[in-house]
Amino acid sequence: MANRILIVDDAAFMRMMIRDILSKNGYEVCGEANDGAQAIEKYKELKPDLITMDITMPEMDGIQALKEIKKIEPNAKVIMCSAMGQQAMVIDAIQAGAKDFIVKPFQADRVIEAIKKTLG
């Protein structure tokens, strides 16, 4: 069975890019969310194997959503996505429990490498 992945990003074209990379590599995108609050709801509903989470989003940012999801499921696997120059946020994300991070613009091989490593 394909690993089920939830994509969280406030930019629709970024979600589309990740969805394309994942589906071409045999992963199932089970849902999408465009902010942190929606990510938490979708996580509870869908129970994905992994989440790709943007850091900078309206309403609730990715780090706050990560912390909330970790309260629900301490073993949740989350890979953070960030634009260049957000190193401090990446460190916060790792400390909050993120398994890895990928930098925008996405490189397909780096996305797949991070997912394979995280899913083990």
N, C-alpha and C. Protein backbone atom coordinates (compact mmCIF):
# COMPACT_ATOMS: atom_id res chain seq x y z
N MET A 1 0.83 -1.19 0.00
CA MET A 1 0.00 0.00 0.00
C MET A 1 0.88 1.26 0.00
N ALA A 2 0.49 2.24 -0.78
CA ALA A 2 1.28 3.47 -0.88
C ALA A 2 1.19 4.24 0.43
N ASN A 3 2.29 4.92 0.76
CA ASN A 3 2.27 5.78 1.95
C ASN A 3 1.37 6.97 1.68
N ARG A 4 0.55 7.31 2.68
CA ARG A 4 -0.42 8.40 2.55
C ARG A 4 0.18 9.68 3.12
N ILE A 5 0.15 10.73 2.31
CA ILE A 5 0.81 11.98 2.70
C ILE A 5 -0.17 13.14 2.64
N LEU A 6 -0.10 13.99 3.68
CA LEU A 6 -0.90 15.21 3.76
C LEU A 6 0.02 16.37 3.40
N ILE A 7 -0.41 17.20 2.46
CA ILE A 7 0.39 18.35 2.02
C ILE A 7 -0.22 19.61 2.63
N VAL A 8 0.62 20.40 3.32
CA VAL A 8 0.15 21.64 3.94
C VAL A 8 0.99 22.81 3.43
N ASP A 9 0.33 23.72 2.71
CA ASP A 9 1.00 24.92 2.20
C ASP A 9 -0.09 25.92 1.84
N ASP A 10 0.14 27.20 2.12
CA ASP A 10 -0.89 28.19 1.80
C ASP A 10 -0.89 28.54 0.31
N ALA A 11 0.15 28.16 -0.43
CA ALA A 11 0.20 28.44 -1.87
C ALA A 11 -0.24 27.22 -2.67
N ALA A 12 -1.33 27.38 -3.42
CA ALA A 12 -1.88 26.26 -4.19
C ALA A 12 -0.86 25.69 -5.17
N PHE A 13 -0.06 26.55 -5.80
CA PHE A 13 0.91 26.03 -6.78
C PHE A 13 2.00 25.21 -6.11
N MET A 14 2.35 25.54 -4.85
CA MET A 14 3.33 24.74 -4.12
C MET A 14 2.75 23.36 -3.79
N ARG A 15 1.48 23.33 -3.37
CA ARG A 15 0.83 22.04 -3.11
C ARG A 15 0.80 21.21 -4.37
N MET A 16 0.51 21.86 -5.50
CA MET A 16 0.47 21.15 -6.77
C MET A 16 1.85 20.58 -7.13
N MET A 17 2.90 21.37 -6.90
CA MET A 17 4.26 20.89 -7.20
C MET A 17 4.60 19.66 -6.36
N ILE A 18 4.30 19.73 -5.06
CA ILE A 18 4.60 18.58 -4.19
C ILE A 18 3.75 17.39 -4.59
N ARG A 19 2.45 17.63 -4.88
CA ARG A 19 1.56 16.54 -5.27
C ARG A 19 2.12 15.82 -6.51
N ASP A 20 2.57 16.60 -7.49
CA ASP A 20 3.15 16.02 -8.71
C ASP A 20 4.36 15.15 -8.39
N ILE A 21 5.28 15.67 -7.58
CA ILE A 21 6.49 14.93 -7.22
C ILE A 21 6.11 13.62 -6.52
N LEU A 22 5.19 13.71 -5.57
CA LEU A 22 4.79 12.52 -4.79
C LEU A 22 4.10 11.48 -5.66
N SER A 23 3.13 11.91 -6.46
CA SER A 23 2.38 10.92 -7.24
C SER A 23 3.26 10.26 -8.30
N LYS A 24 4.21 11.01 -8.86
CA LYS A 24 5.14 10.41 -9.84
C LYS A 24 6.06 9.38 -9.19
N ASN A 25 6.19 9.45 -7.86
CA ASN A 25 7.08 8.53 -7.16
C ASN A 25 6.32 7.49 -6.33
N GLY A 26 5.04 7.33 -6.63
CA GLY A 26 4.27 6.24 -6.04
C GLY A 26 3.67 6.50 -4.67
N TYR A 27 3.64 7.77 -4.25
CA TYR A 27 3.02 8.10 -2.96
C TYR A 27 1.58 8.55 -3.19
N GLU A 28 0.74 8.33 -2.19
CA GLU A 28 -0.65 8.74 -2.28
C GLU A 28 -0.84 10.03 -1.48
N VAL A 29 -1.33 11.07 -2.15
CA VAL A 29 -1.67 12.31 -1.45
C VAL A 29 -3.09 12.14 -0.93
N CYS A 30 -3.23 12.00 0.39
CA CYS A 30 -4.55 11.73 0.96
C CYS A 30 -5.31 12.99 1.29
N GLY A 31 -4.63 14.14 1.28
CA GLY A 31 -5.32 15.39 1.57
C GLY A 31 -4.39 16.58 1.48
N GLU A 32 -5.00 17.77 1.49
CA GLU A 32 -4.25 19.02 1.44
C GLU A 32 -4.88 20.01 2.41
N ALA A 33 -4.05 20.89 2.96
CA ALA A 33 -4.55 21.96 3.83
C ALA A 33 -3.79 23.23 3.48
N ASN A 34 -4.46 24.39 3.69
CA ASN A 34 -3.78 25.64 3.34
C ASN A 34 -3.39 26.51 4.52
N ASP A 35 -3.57 25.99 5.75
CA ASP A 35 -3.01 26.68 6.92
C ASP A 35 -2.88 25.67 8.06
N GLY A 36 -2.23 26.11 9.13
CA GLY A 36 -1.94 25.21 10.24
C GLY A 36 -3.17 24.65 10.93
N ALA A 37 -4.19 25.49 11.11
CA ALA A 37 -5.41 25.04 11.79
C ALA A 37 -6.09 23.93 10.98
N GLN A 38 -6.14 24.14 9.66
CA GLN A 38 -6.74 23.13 8.78
C GLN A 38 -5.89 21.86 8.78
N ALA A 39 -4.57 22.03 8.88
CA ALA A 39 -3.67 20.87 8.91
C ALA A 39 -3.99 19.97 10.10
N ILE A 40 -4.26 20.57 11.26
CA ILE A 40 -4.56 19.79 12.47
C ILE A 40 -5.86 19.01 12.28
N GLU A 41 -6.89 19.68 11.72
CA GLU A 41 -8.17 19.00 11.47
C GLU A 41 -7.99 17.84 10.49
N LYS A 42 -7.26 18.10 9.40
CA LYS A 42 -7.04 17.07 8.38
C LYS A 42 -6.22 15.91 8.97
N TYR A 43 -5.27 16.23 9.83
CA TYR A 43 -4.46 15.18 10.44
C TYR A 43 -5.35 14.24 11.26
N LYS A 44 -6.23 14.82 12.08
CA LYS A 44 -7.13 14.01 12.91
C LYS A 44 -8.04 13.15 12.05
N GLU A 45 -8.52 13.73 10.95
CA GLU A 45 -9.47 13.06 10.07
C GLU A 45 -8.81 11.96 9.24
N LEU A 46 -7.64 12.25 8.68
CA LEU A 46 -7.03 11.37 7.67
C LEU A 46 -5.96 10.42 8.22
N LYS A 47 -5.35 10.76 9.36
CA LYS A 47 -4.26 9.95 9.93
C LYS A 47 -3.21 9.58 8.87
N PRO A 48 -2.60 10.59 8.24
CA PRO A 48 -1.61 10.29 7.19
C PRO A 48 -0.33 9.68 7.77
N ASP A 49 0.45 9.02 6.91
CA ASP A 49 1.74 8.45 7.33
C ASP A 49 2.78 9.55 7.51
N LEU A 50 2.59 10.66 6.77
CA LEU A 50 3.58 11.73 6.78
C LEU A 50 2.90 13.04 6.38
N ILE A 51 3.44 14.15 6.87
CA ILE A 51 2.94 15.48 6.50
C ILE A 51 4.09 16.30 5.96
N THR A 52 3.86 16.99 4.83
CA THR A 52 4.81 18.04 4.42
C THR A 52 4.15 19.35 4.84
N MET A 53 4.87 20.16 5.61
CA MET A 53 4.28 21.34 6.24
C MET A 53 5.09 22.59 5.94
N ASP A 54 4.43 23.56 5.32
CA ASP A 54 5.05 24.86 5.10
C ASP A 54 5.21 25.54 6.47
N ILE A 55 6.25 26.37 6.61
CA ILE A 55 6.43 27.05 7.89
C ILE A 55 5.60 28.34 7.94
N THR A 56 5.70 29.16 6.91
CA THR A 56 5.05 30.47 6.94
C THR A 56 3.68 30.41 6.28
N MET A 57 2.63 30.49 7.11
CA MET A 57 1.25 30.46 6.60
C MET A 57 0.39 31.40 7.43
N PRO A 58 -0.73 31.88 6.85
CA PRO A 58 -1.65 32.73 7.62
C PRO A 58 -2.40 31.89 8.67
N GLU A 59 -3.13 32.55 9.53
CA GLU A 59 -3.92 31.91 10.59
C GLU A 59 -3.03 31.26 11.64
N MET A 60 -2.41 30.12 11.27
CA MET A 60 -1.51 29.42 12.20
C MET A 60 -0.32 28.92 11.40
N ASP A 61 0.89 29.25 11.86
CA ASP A 61 2.07 28.83 11.08
C ASP A 61 2.37 27.35 11.28
N GLY A 62 3.28 26.87 10.47
CA GLY A 62 3.59 25.44 10.46
C GLY A 62 4.20 24.93 11.76
N ILE A 63 4.99 25.77 12.43
CA ILE A 63 5.62 25.32 13.68
C ILE A 63 4.58 25.14 14.77
N GLN A 64 3.62 26.08 14.85
CA GLN A 64 2.53 25.95 15.83
C GLN A 64 1.69 24.70 15.54
N ALA A 65 1.39 24.50 14.25
CA ALA A 65 0.60 23.32 13.86
C ALA A 65 1.36 22.03 14.18
N LEU A 66 2.67 22.04 13.93
CA LEU A 66 3.52 20.88 14.24
C LEU A 66 3.41 20.53 15.73
N LYS A 67 3.52 21.55 16.58
CA LYS A 67 3.45 21.32 18.03
C LYS A 67 2.10 20.73 18.43
N GLU A 68 1.02 21.24 17.83
CA GLU A 68 -0.33 20.74 18.14
C GLU A 68 -0.49 19.29 17.66
N ILE A 69 0.01 18.99 16.47
CA ILE A 69 -0.09 17.62 15.92
C ILE A 69 0.72 16.66 16.79
N LYS A 70 1.88 17.12 17.26
CA LYS A 70 2.71 16.26 18.13
C LYS A 70 2.02 15.96 19.46
N LYS A 71 1.15 16.88 19.93
CA LYS A 71 0.38 16.63 21.15
C LYS A 71 -0.64 15.51 20.90
N ILE A 72 -1.22 15.51 19.70
CA ILE A 72 -2.21 14.49 19.34
C ILE A 72 -1.52 13.14 19.12
N GLU A 73 -0.42 13.18 18.37
CA GLU A 73 0.31 11.95 18.01
C GLU A 73 1.81 12.23 18.10
N PRO A 74 2.44 11.86 19.24
CA PRO A 74 3.87 12.14 19.42
C PRO A 74 4.76 11.54 18.33
N ASN A 75 4.30 10.48 17.68
CA ASN A 75 5.10 9.85 16.63
C ASN A 75 4.80 10.35 15.23
N ALA A 76 4.01 11.41 15.12
CA ALA A 76 3.68 11.96 13.80
C ALA A 76 4.97 12.31 13.06
N LYS A 77 4.99 11.99 11.77
CA LYS A 77 6.16 12.28 10.93
C LYS A 77 5.86 13.52 10.10
N VAL A 78 6.63 14.57 10.36
CA VAL A 78 6.41 15.84 9.68
C VAL A 78 7.71 16.33 9.08
N ILE A 79 7.65 16.69 7.79
CA ILE A 79 8.79 17.31 7.11
C ILE A 79 8.40 18.76 6.85
N MET A 80 9.20 19.69 7.34
CA MET A 80 8.91 21.11 7.16
C MET A 80 9.45 21.60 5.81
N CYS A 81 8.74 22.57 5.24
CA CYS A 81 9.15 23.19 3.99
C CYS A 81 9.37 24.67 4.26
N SER A 82 10.48 25.19 3.80
CA SER A 82 10.73 26.62 4.02
C SER A 82 11.45 27.23 2.84
N ALA A 83 11.28 28.53 2.71
CA ALA A 83 12.02 29.27 1.68
C ALA A 83 13.44 29.50 2.19
N MET A 84 14.30 29.90 1.31
CA MET A 84 15.68 30.19 1.69
C MET A 84 15.70 31.26 2.77
N GLY A 85 16.70 31.21 3.63
CA GLY A 85 16.88 32.27 4.61
C GLY A 85 16.01 32.16 5.85
N GLN A 86 15.42 30.99 6.08
CA GLN A 86 14.59 30.81 7.28
C GLN A 86 15.25 29.83 8.24
N GLN A 87 16.58 29.87 8.33
CA GLN A 87 17.31 28.90 9.15
C GLN A 87 16.84 28.87 10.60
N ALA A 88 16.57 30.04 11.18
CA ALA A 88 16.13 30.08 12.59
C ALA A 88 14.82 29.32 12.76
N MET A 89 13.91 29.50 11.79
CA MET A 89 12.63 28.80 11.85
C MET A 89 12.82 27.29 11.69
N VAL A 90 13.75 26.91 10.84
CA VAL A 90 14.02 25.49 10.63
C VAL A 90 14.50 24.86 11.93
N ILE A 91 15.38 25.56 12.64
CA ILE A 91 15.87 25.05 13.93
C ILE A 91 14.71 24.91 14.92
N ASP A 92 13.84 25.92 14.96
CA ASP A 92 12.64 25.83 15.82
C ASP A 92 11.81 24.60 15.47
N ALA A 93 11.65 24.37 14.17
CA ALA A 93 10.83 23.25 13.70
C ALA A 93 11.43 21.91 14.11
N ILE A 94 12.74 21.78 13.97
CA ILE A 94 13.41 20.53 14.35
C ILE A 94 13.27 20.32 15.87
N GLN A 95 13.44 21.39 16.63
CA GLN A 95 13.29 21.28 18.09
C GLN A 95 11.86 20.92 18.48
N ALA A 96 10.88 21.35 17.66
CA ALA A 96 9.47 21.05 17.93
C ALA A 96 9.10 19.63 17.49
N GLY A 97 10.02 18.96 16.80
CA GLY A 97 9.76 17.56 16.45
C GLY A 97 9.71 17.23 14.98
N ALA A 98 10.02 18.19 14.11
CA ALA A 98 10.05 17.88 12.67
C ALA A 98 11.16 16.88 12.39
N LYS A 99 10.93 15.98 11.45
CA LYS A 99 11.91 14.94 11.13
C LYS A 99 12.97 15.43 10.15
N ASP A 100 12.61 16.39 9.31
CA ASP A 100 13.52 16.86 8.26
C ASP A 100 12.94 18.15 7.72
N PHE A 101 13.68 18.79 6.82
CA PHE A 101 13.11 19.96 6.15
C PHE A 101 13.61 20.01 4.72
N ILE A 102 12.77 20.57 3.86
CA ILE A 102 13.14 20.76 2.46
C ILE A 102 12.98 22.24 2.14
N VAL A 103 13.83 22.72 1.25
CA VAL A 103 13.87 24.14 0.94
C VAL A 103 13.20 24.40 -0.40
N LYS A 104 12.43 25.48 -0.43
CA LYS A 104 11.81 25.92 -1.68
C LYS A 104 12.81 26.75 -2.45
N PRO A 105 12.84 26.74 -3.77
CA PRO A 105 12.01 25.91 -4.64
C PRO A 105 12.38 24.44 -4.53
N PHE A 106 11.38 23.57 -4.61
CA PHE A 106 11.60 22.15 -4.38
C PHE A 106 12.39 21.49 -5.49
N GLN A 107 13.30 20.61 -5.07
CA GLN A 107 13.98 19.74 -6.03
C GLN A 107 13.42 18.35 -5.77
N ALA A 108 12.87 17.74 -6.80
CA ALA A 108 12.16 16.47 -6.65
C ALA A 108 12.99 15.42 -5.92
N ASP A 109 14.27 15.28 -6.28
CA ASP A 109 15.08 14.23 -5.66
C ASP A 109 15.29 14.49 -4.16
N ARG A 110 15.38 15.76 -3.77
CA ARG A 110 15.54 16.09 -2.34
C ARG A 110 14.25 15.81 -1.57
N VAL A 111 13.11 16.11 -2.18
CA VAL A 111 11.81 15.83 -1.55
C VAL A 111 11.68 14.34 -1.29
N ILE A 112 11.95 13.53 -2.32
CA ILE A 112 11.80 12.08 -2.21
C ILE A 112 12.81 11.51 -1.21
N GLU A 113 14.03 12.02 -1.23
CA GLU A 113 15.06 11.57 -0.28
C GLU A 113 14.60 11.80 1.15
N ALA A 114 14.06 13.01 1.44
CA ALA A 114 13.59 13.34 2.79
C ALA A 114 12.44 12.43 3.20
N ILE A 115 11.54 12.17 2.27
CA ILE A 115 10.37 11.32 2.59
C ILE A 115 10.81 9.88 2.84
N LYS A 116 11.67 9.35 1.98
CA LYS A 116 12.15 7.97 2.17
C LYS A 116 12.86 7.83 3.51
N LYS A 117 13.69 8.82 3.83
CA LYS A 117 14.46 8.78 5.08
C LYS A 117 13.51 8.83 6.29
N THR A 118 12.50 9.68 6.21
CA THR A 118 11.57 9.86 7.32
C THR A 118 10.67 8.64 7.51
N LEU A 119 10.20 8.08 6.41
CA LEU A 119 9.32 6.91 6.51
C LEU A 119 10.09 5.64 6.84
N GLY A 120 11.38 5.68 6.57
CA GLY A 120 12.27 4.55 6.90
C GLY A 120 11.90 3.29 6.19
